[in-house]
Amino acid sequence: MKKAKNLKKRIRRLEARMQKGAKKLARLKRKLEAAETVSAAKSTNKATAPAVKPAAVKEPRVAGKVKRKLNLTPERRAQLSAAMKARWAAKRAAAATDAQNTPTSPRFSPGETSQPQ
């Protein structure tokens, strides 16, 4: 016969597993109920006013892709920040020079020069 301590441990683990399963089942039931209410609301709204959603019905949230947090040291974070700021400044400067170099004359094409040869 097994020891009472081991039996108690097995019982405790089994109860925890059953409770976890019950929580998961309850969560899935709530999701199903929410989806059904949303679909029912959509079908009734199509007949009346498709642009208006009832305030009582909430659509279930879909978990999107979780953004991973980078583990950066403060020095590396500052270095990356400086590099990005320099890149953005160069991009703004290039855009400004391009805007200044565009001719105002409609007859001027990029391959032509403005002086006659």
N, C-alpha and C. Protein backbone atom coordinates (compact mmCIF):
# COMPACT_ATOMS: atom_id res chain seq x y z
N MET A 1 0.83 -1.19 0.00
CA MET A 1 0.00 0.00 0.00
C MET A 1 0.88 1.25 0.00
N LYS A 2 0.43 2.28 -0.74
CA LYS A 2 1.21 3.51 -0.86
C LYS A 2 1.11 4.32 0.41
N LYS A 3 2.10 5.17 0.57
CA LYS A 3 2.12 6.03 1.74
C LYS A 3 1.04 7.10 1.62
N ALA A 4 0.54 7.51 2.76
CA ALA A 4 -0.53 8.51 2.78
C ALA A 4 -0.06 9.83 2.20
N LYS A 5 1.22 10.18 2.45
CA LYS A 5 1.75 11.44 1.94
C LYS A 5 1.73 11.46 0.42
N ASN A 6 2.12 10.36 -0.21
CA ASN A 6 2.12 10.29 -1.66
C ASN A 6 0.71 10.32 -2.22
N LEU A 7 -0.21 9.66 -1.54
CA LEU A 7 -1.60 9.68 -1.99
C LEU A 7 -2.19 11.09 -1.91
N LYS A 8 -1.88 11.78 -0.81
CA LYS A 8 -2.39 13.15 -0.65
C LYS A 8 -1.83 14.06 -1.75
N LYS A 9 -0.56 13.86 -2.07
CA LYS A 9 0.08 14.66 -3.10
C LYS A 9 -0.57 14.41 -4.46
N ARG A 10 -0.83 13.14 -4.76
CA ARG A 10 -1.46 12.81 -6.04
C ARG A 10 -2.87 13.38 -6.12
N ILE A 11 -3.60 13.31 -5.01
CA ILE A 11 -4.96 13.85 -4.98
C ILE A 11 -4.92 15.36 -5.19
N ARG A 12 -3.97 16.04 -4.51
CA ARG A 12 -3.87 17.49 -4.64
C ARG A 12 -3.55 17.88 -6.09
N ARG A 13 -2.64 17.15 -6.73
CA ARG A 13 -2.30 17.44 -8.12
C ARG A 13 -3.49 17.21 -9.06
N LEU A 14 -4.22 16.12 -8.82
CA LEU A 14 -5.38 15.82 -9.66
C LEU A 14 -6.45 16.89 -9.51
N GLU A 15 -6.68 17.35 -8.26
CA GLU A 15 -7.67 18.40 -8.04
C GLU A 15 -7.25 19.70 -8.73
N ALA A 16 -5.97 20.01 -8.68
CA ALA A 16 -5.49 21.23 -9.32
C ALA A 16 -5.68 21.13 -10.83
N ARG A 17 -5.39 19.97 -11.41
CA ARG A 17 -5.55 19.77 -12.84
C ARG A 17 -7.02 19.89 -13.24
N MET A 18 -7.90 19.32 -12.41
CA MET A 18 -9.34 19.39 -12.72
C MET A 18 -9.84 20.83 -12.63
N GLN A 19 -9.34 21.58 -11.63
CA GLN A 19 -9.77 22.97 -11.49
C GLN A 19 -9.27 23.80 -12.67
N LYS A 20 -8.03 23.53 -13.11
CA LYS A 20 -7.49 24.23 -14.25
C LYS A 20 -8.31 23.96 -15.50
N GLY A 21 -8.73 22.70 -15.69
CA GLY A 21 -9.57 22.34 -16.83
C GLY A 21 -10.92 23.02 -16.76
N ALA A 22 -11.45 23.14 -15.55
CA ALA A 22 -12.76 23.79 -15.38
C ALA A 22 -12.67 25.27 -15.72
N LYS A 23 -11.56 25.90 -15.33
CA LYS A 23 -11.38 27.32 -15.65
C LYS A 23 -11.28 27.51 -17.16
N LYS A 24 -10.53 26.62 -17.81
CA LYS A 24 -10.37 26.72 -19.25
C LYS A 24 -11.71 26.52 -19.94
N LEU A 25 -12.49 25.55 -19.48
CA LEU A 25 -13.80 25.30 -20.05
C LEU A 25 -14.71 26.52 -19.87
N ALA A 26 -14.68 27.14 -18.70
CA ALA A 26 -15.51 28.31 -18.46
C ALA A 26 -15.10 29.47 -19.37
N ARG A 27 -13.79 29.64 -19.58
CA ARG A 27 -13.31 30.71 -20.44
C ARG A 27 -13.76 30.48 -21.88
N LEU A 28 -13.67 29.24 -22.34
CA LEU A 28 -14.10 28.93 -23.70
C LEU A 28 -15.60 29.14 -23.87
N LYS A 29 -16.37 28.79 -22.84
CA LYS A 29 -17.82 29.00 -22.91
C LYS A 29 -18.14 30.49 -23.00
N ARG A 30 -17.41 31.31 -22.23
CA ARG A 30 -17.64 32.75 -22.29
C ARG A 30 -17.31 33.29 -23.68
N LYS A 31 -16.23 32.79 -24.27
CA LYS A 31 -15.87 33.23 -25.62
C LYS A 31 -16.95 32.86 -26.63
N LEU A 32 -17.46 31.62 -26.51
CA LEU A 32 -18.50 31.17 -27.42
C LEU A 32 -19.75 32.03 -27.26
N GLU A 33 -20.12 32.32 -26.03
CA GLU A 33 -21.30 33.13 -25.78
C GLU A 33 -21.13 34.54 -26.36
N ALA A 34 -19.93 35.10 -26.19
CA ALA A 34 -19.67 36.44 -26.73
C ALA A 34 -19.74 36.42 -28.26
N ALA A 35 -19.18 35.40 -28.86
CA ALA A 35 -19.20 35.30 -30.32
C ALA A 35 -20.63 35.15 -30.83
N GLU A 36 -21.44 34.38 -30.13
CA GLU A 36 -22.83 34.21 -30.54
C GLU A 36 -23.61 35.51 -30.42
N THR A 37 -23.39 36.26 -29.35
CA THR A 37 -24.11 37.52 -29.19
C THR A 37 -23.68 38.53 -30.25
N VAL A 38 -22.39 38.51 -30.59
CA VAL A 38 -21.91 39.42 -31.63
C VAL A 38 -22.53 39.05 -32.98
N SER A 39 -22.56 37.76 -33.28
CA SER A 39 -23.13 37.35 -34.57
C SER A 39 -24.64 37.63 -34.61
N ALA A 40 -25.31 37.44 -33.48
CA ALA A 40 -26.74 37.75 -33.44
C ALA A 40 -26.98 39.25 -33.60
N ALA A 41 -26.13 40.04 -32.96
CA ALA A 41 -26.27 41.49 -33.07
C ALA A 41 -26.00 41.94 -34.50
N LYS A 42 -25.03 41.33 -35.15
CA LYS A 42 -24.72 41.69 -36.53
C LYS A 42 -25.88 41.36 -37.45
N SER A 43 -26.50 40.21 -37.23
CA SER A 43 -27.60 39.83 -38.11
C SER A 43 -28.81 40.74 -37.91
N THR A 44 -29.06 41.17 -36.68
CA THR A 44 -30.18 42.09 -36.46
C THR A 44 -29.83 43.49 -36.95
N ASN A 45 -28.56 43.88 -36.84
CA ASN A 45 -28.14 45.21 -37.29
C ASN A 45 -28.15 45.33 -38.79
N LYS A 46 -27.92 44.25 -39.50
CA LYS A 46 -27.93 44.31 -40.95
C LYS A 46 -29.32 44.71 -41.47
N ALA A 47 -30.36 44.24 -40.78
CA ALA A 47 -31.71 44.56 -41.21
C ALA A 47 -32.08 46.00 -40.87
N THR A 48 -31.58 46.51 -39.74
CA THR A 48 -31.97 47.85 -39.31
C THR A 48 -30.97 48.91 -39.73
N ALA A 49 -29.79 48.93 -39.10
CA ALA A 49 -28.78 49.95 -39.40
C ALA A 49 -27.40 49.31 -39.29
N PRO A 50 -26.74 49.04 -40.39
CA PRO A 50 -25.46 48.32 -40.32
C PRO A 50 -24.32 49.14 -39.73
N ALA A 51 -24.41 50.47 -39.71
CA ALA A 51 -23.30 51.29 -39.22
C ALA A 51 -23.31 51.44 -37.70
N VAL A 52 -24.44 51.16 -37.04
CA VAL A 52 -24.55 51.39 -35.61
C VAL A 52 -24.41 50.07 -34.86
N LYS A 53 -23.51 50.05 -33.87
CA LYS A 53 -23.33 48.86 -33.03
C LYS A 53 -24.00 49.12 -31.68
N PRO A 54 -24.66 48.12 -31.11
CA PRO A 54 -25.23 48.32 -29.79
C PRO A 54 -24.13 48.45 -28.75
N ALA A 55 -24.35 49.31 -27.77
CA ALA A 55 -23.32 49.57 -26.76
C ALA A 55 -23.14 48.38 -25.81
N ALA A 56 -24.17 47.57 -25.64
CA ALA A 56 -24.10 46.48 -24.67
C ALA A 56 -23.27 45.31 -25.19
N VAL A 57 -23.16 45.17 -26.50
CA VAL A 57 -22.44 44.02 -27.07
C VAL A 57 -21.00 44.43 -27.34
N LYS A 58 -20.08 43.70 -26.75
CA LYS A 58 -18.67 43.95 -26.98
C LYS A 58 -18.10 42.81 -27.80
N GLU A 59 -17.29 43.17 -28.77
CA GLU A 59 -16.65 42.14 -29.56
C GLU A 59 -15.50 41.54 -28.76
N PRO A 60 -15.29 40.24 -28.88
CA PRO A 60 -14.17 39.65 -28.14
C PRO A 60 -12.86 40.13 -28.70
N ARG A 61 -11.92 40.40 -27.80
CA ARG A 61 -10.62 40.89 -28.24
C ARG A 61 -9.80 39.73 -28.77
N VAL A 62 -9.17 39.99 -29.86
CA VAL A 62 -8.29 38.99 -30.44
C VAL A 62 -6.87 39.36 -30.06
N ALA A 63 -6.19 38.44 -29.41
CA ALA A 63 -4.83 38.73 -28.99
C ALA A 63 -3.93 38.82 -30.20
N GLY A 64 -3.34 39.97 -30.40
CA GLY A 64 -2.44 40.17 -31.52
C GLY A 64 -1.06 39.65 -31.20
N LYS A 65 -0.15 39.94 -32.07
CA LYS A 65 1.22 39.51 -31.88
C LYS A 65 1.83 40.32 -30.74
N VAL A 66 2.37 39.64 -29.76
CA VAL A 66 2.92 40.31 -28.60
C VAL A 66 4.30 40.85 -28.96
N LYS A 67 4.49 42.12 -28.70
CA LYS A 67 5.76 42.75 -29.01
C LYS A 67 6.76 42.39 -27.91
N ARG A 68 7.91 41.89 -28.35
CA ARG A 68 8.92 41.45 -27.40
C ARG A 68 9.72 42.65 -26.91
N LYS A 69 9.93 42.72 -25.59
CA LYS A 69 10.69 43.82 -25.02
C LYS A 69 12.17 43.51 -25.15
N LEU A 70 12.93 44.49 -25.65
CA LEU A 70 14.36 44.30 -25.80
C LEU A 70 15.05 44.52 -24.46
N ASN A 71 15.99 43.66 -24.14
CA ASN A 71 16.76 43.82 -22.91
C ASN A 71 18.03 44.59 -23.25
N LEU A 72 17.91 45.92 -23.24
CA LEU A 72 19.03 46.77 -23.59
C LEU A 72 19.61 47.43 -22.36
N THR A 73 20.91 47.62 -22.39
CA THR A 73 21.53 48.40 -21.33
C THR A 73 21.28 49.87 -21.64
N PRO A 74 21.34 50.71 -20.64
CA PRO A 74 21.12 52.14 -20.90
C PRO A 74 22.12 52.73 -21.91
N GLU A 75 23.36 52.22 -21.88
CA GLU A 75 24.36 52.72 -22.84
C GLU A 75 23.97 52.35 -24.26
N ARG A 76 23.54 51.11 -24.46
CA ARG A 76 23.15 50.65 -25.80
C ARG A 76 21.90 51.38 -26.27
N ARG A 77 20.97 51.61 -25.35
CA ARG A 77 19.75 52.33 -25.70
C ARG A 77 20.09 53.76 -26.17
N ALA A 78 21.02 54.42 -25.47
CA ALA A 78 21.44 55.76 -25.86
C ALA A 78 22.14 55.74 -27.21
N GLN A 79 22.96 54.72 -27.43
CA GLN A 79 23.67 54.60 -28.71
C GLN A 79 22.69 54.42 -29.86
N LEU A 80 21.71 53.55 -29.69
CA LEU A 80 20.71 53.33 -30.73
C LEU A 80 19.88 54.60 -30.96
N SER A 81 19.56 55.30 -29.89
CA SER A 81 18.79 56.53 -30.01
C SER A 81 19.56 57.57 -30.82
N ALA A 82 20.86 57.70 -30.54
CA ALA A 82 21.66 58.66 -31.28
C ALA A 82 21.76 58.27 -32.76
N ALA A 83 21.91 56.98 -33.03
CA ALA A 83 22.00 56.53 -34.42
C ALA A 83 20.71 56.80 -35.17
N MET A 84 19.57 56.54 -34.53
CA MET A 84 18.29 56.77 -35.19
C MET A 84 18.05 58.27 -35.42
N LYS A 85 18.41 59.09 -34.45
CA LYS A 85 18.24 60.54 -34.63
C LYS A 85 19.10 61.06 -35.78
N ALA A 86 20.33 60.53 -35.89
CA ALA A 86 21.20 60.93 -37.00
C ALA A 86 20.61 60.50 -38.33
N ARG A 87 20.05 59.30 -38.37
CA ARG A 87 19.44 58.80 -39.61
C ARG A 87 18.26 59.65 -40.01
N TRP A 88 17.42 60.00 -39.03
CA TRP A 88 16.25 60.82 -39.33
C TRP A 88 16.67 62.22 -39.80
N ALA A 89 17.71 62.78 -39.16
CA ALA A 89 18.18 64.11 -39.56
C ALA A 89 18.70 64.09 -40.99
N ALA A 90 19.43 63.02 -41.35
CA ALA A 90 19.94 62.91 -42.71
C ALA A 90 18.79 62.77 -43.70
N LYS A 91 17.77 62.04 -43.32
CA LYS A 91 16.62 61.86 -44.19
C LYS A 91 15.89 63.19 -44.40
N ARG A 92 15.73 63.96 -43.32
CA ARG A 92 15.08 65.27 -43.44
C ARG A 92 15.92 66.22 -44.30
N ALA A 93 17.23 66.16 -44.13
CA ALA A 93 18.11 67.03 -44.92
C ALA A 93 18.04 66.67 -46.39
N ALA A 94 18.01 65.37 -46.69
CA ALA A 94 17.92 64.94 -48.08
C ALA A 94 16.59 65.37 -48.69
N ALA A 95 15.52 65.27 -47.92
CA ALA A 95 14.22 65.69 -48.43
C ALA A 95 14.19 67.19 -48.66
N ALA A 96 14.85 67.95 -47.80
CA ALA A 96 14.87 69.41 -47.94
C ALA A 96 15.67 69.82 -49.17
N THR A 97 16.79 69.15 -49.42
CA THR A 97 17.58 69.50 -50.60
C THR A 97 16.86 69.09 -51.87
N ASP A 98 16.15 67.98 -51.84
CA ASP A 98 15.37 67.57 -53.00
C ASP A 98 14.27 68.59 -53.30
N ALA A 99 13.66 69.11 -52.25
CA ALA A 99 12.59 70.09 -52.44
C ALA A 99 13.15 71.39 -53.00
N GLN A 100 14.37 71.76 -52.61
CA GLN A 100 14.96 73.00 -53.10
C GLN A 100 15.45 72.85 -54.53
N ASN A 101 15.90 71.66 -54.92
CA ASN A 101 16.47 71.45 -56.24
C ASN A 101 15.42 71.22 -57.32
N THR A 102 14.18 71.07 -56.97
CA THR A 102 13.15 70.85 -57.99
C THR A 102 12.90 72.17 -58.72
N PRO A 103 12.93 72.14 -60.04
CA PRO A 103 12.73 73.38 -60.81
C PRO A 103 11.26 73.78 -60.81
N THR A 104 11.05 75.07 -60.98
CA THR A 104 9.69 75.58 -61.03
C THR A 104 9.17 75.67 -62.46
N SER A 105 10.09 75.63 -63.42
CA SER A 105 9.69 75.73 -64.82
C SER A 105 9.10 74.41 -65.29
N PRO A 106 7.93 74.43 -65.94
CA PRO A 106 7.33 73.17 -66.38
C PRO A 106 8.04 72.56 -67.58
N ARG A 107 8.80 73.37 -68.35
CA ARG A 107 9.48 72.85 -69.54
C ARG A 107 10.79 72.17 -69.19
N PHE A 108 11.26 72.35 -67.98
CA PHE A 108 12.55 71.80 -67.57
C PHE A 108 12.39 70.33 -67.22
N SER A 109 13.25 69.48 -67.81
CA SER A 109 13.23 68.06 -67.47
C SER A 109 14.50 67.73 -66.73
N PRO A 110 14.55 66.67 -65.94
CA PRO A 110 15.72 66.37 -65.12
C PRO A 110 16.99 66.15 -65.92
N GLY A 111 16.92 65.69 -67.17
CA GLY A 111 18.11 65.43 -67.97
C GLY A 111 18.67 66.67 -68.64
N GLU A 112 17.90 67.74 -68.68
CA GLU A 112 18.32 68.95 -69.38
C GLU A 112 19.06 69.90 -68.43
N THR A 113 19.85 70.76 -69.02
CA THR A 113 20.46 71.82 -68.23
C THR A 113 19.73 73.12 -68.55
N SER A 114 19.81 74.07 -67.66
CA SER A 114 19.06 75.31 -67.87
C SER A 114 19.77 76.26 -68.82
N GLN A 115 21.08 76.07 -69.09
CA GLN A 115 21.81 76.96 -69.98
C GLN A 115 21.84 76.38 -71.40
N PRO A 116 21.69 77.22 -72.43
CA PRO A 116 21.76 76.71 -73.81
C PRO A 116 23.19 76.38 -74.18
N GLN A 117 23.39 75.39 -75.04
CA GLN A 117 24.72 74.95 -75.43
C GLN A 117 25.06 75.33 -76.81
